[in-house]
Every structure is written in structure tokens, then in C-alpha cells.
């Protein structure tokens, strides 16, 4: 069973970018219809609405955080909570406990590494996050491996660098370092040429809403990408790979899903007691939590892909 097949996934998500398999001619109306119903366009509309609500406004705070919570609960965390299903396609009672122990061991190792060497841990987190984001998006849009990593590095630096002050508050609280410079808003625009070359309108619209999100608070911008692009992209492919309904996958994700929320609560309770930094920042603790739970997820997905490629 092939996981994240580039050709089939590109066709699945960008059927309006080229002639269909039935040789239906692409017209302006076909393209416009596909764009309007695309997920990328929906995220663009959400980002514009959040911006119109007014930065730093109470309404934007309430609506934005409600969307973040709903997104994290429905797909953000669950998309990484079904790694135990990827290899077998169903719950295996004998192997699952061992899988959980290995998963927790990786997470604990990352937390310990962050406690002992926060600067190096931050570098490691940024590295594998960039690689994971680039790999996922690159497979969707048919990018090569090196170009995918370039995109992953760019989009992560763009999200952080266009929110210079907010990012530095978080980085200082969790690692004691700050970004030496910000990212210009236009940094991501050269990728428009790649999107048009690939005839991928979803790629182009994603770049467009990333430009809009640069004017939103950091957590809203990051949440739009993490949930609206990364998590939903992978969730759709997981459903296709497992040939399983969305609600059934969500039910199977519950043990890891609930466990992740429990661990997050522990992070907020225990991490400040460690006195790693005098600068308490709740979003900083959240990022450390993401770093710890994403490491085993990325390793698990990578190993599964390698196994699928050699099968």
C-alpha cells in the first residue's frame, strides 16, 4: 500500500490545473469553479475575515481562538494521532502498547533535550518542522525533494519572521535566543512563479493567503497554516490511504488524541516549575509541546513512507 503517492495525490488535489483524464478541456469557468470550492480558497476567506475583524480586537481574539481550538481538536492533533494505523490499517492490540511506549520515549527524549540544551533543541525542532512541512506540501504540488525543503524552510521562516516581535518573545522564553532579523512580506512571492509553472492554483492561493496571514497575529497565522494546509492535507491523504471514513479515523485517533491533550495540560503545569526561564509564555510552552509530540510523528511517517517505497 503506497502512502502519499505523488502522482495520484497531485491529481486528487489539483484536478483543475491540467486536462482531466477524460480530456475535458480546461476553461476559465472550470478553473474559477475549482478555485472557489478549493480548500485553499476557503482558508483565504477565513484569513481575510479575521483580518477585517481588526488586529488585537476582542472579537478577533474570540473568533480566532475558537477556530484554533476547533481546528486542533478536529484535525490538527488527530492527524498525528493515527500513526499506529498507517502500517496495519487497523488497531492491533498486541503491537499498539509497544508503539505507544516508543512514541512516548521519543517525546520524553525531546523534552529532556530541550531542558538540557534549549538552543540546540530549538534548532532541531526548526529543522525537522521545515523538512516535514516541505515534504507534505511538496508531495501535494509535485515539487522535487530539494525544492520541497526550500519551500518548508521558507514558509516556516516567513510565518515566524513576519511576526518578529511575537516570535522573539516566544523564542526568548523557551530558548533564550531571538531572531536577528525579520522577514519581508514579499519573501514568499517568488513561489508564485513556481505555482504558475506547475499550473497549481491551490499552491498560488496558498501563497496569497499566507501574504494575508502575515498581517494577522502570529498564532492565527501559524494556526491557519498548520490546520488549514498541513493537517487537512495529511488527513485527506490518510483517509485515502487507509480507505476509511473520516469519522472512523477520528475515533481510532482518540487514545493518542486524548493523551496529547493530557500531556499538554501537564506541560502547562510542570514546565513553569522547572524554572528554565523567568519569561513565562504560554505559547512558548505550547510550541515545546508541539516539538515533543511532532518528533515521533515525523519519524513514524518517514519510516512508513520508506517502507512503502521499497514494498
Foldseek 3Di string as FASTA:
>chain_A
DAFLQLVVLQCVQFVQLDQHPVRPDRDPVSNVVSCCPHLLVVLLVVLVVLVVVPAPDPVSVVVLVVVLVVLCLQFLVLLLLLLVCQPPLDDDPVCVVVVVVVLVVQLVVLVVCLLVAVVVSVVVLLQLQLQLQLVLVCSNLVHDNVVSSVVSNQLVLQLDQLQQVVNQLLCCFRHNDGDPHGDDLCSLVVCCVVCVVSSGVSSNSNNVSLSSCSSHHSVSSVSSCSRSPVRVSSLVSVCVSSVHDSVVSSVSSVVVSVVLVVVLVVLVVVVVVSCSDPRDDNVSSVVSSCSSNVVVSSVSVVVSNVVSVVD
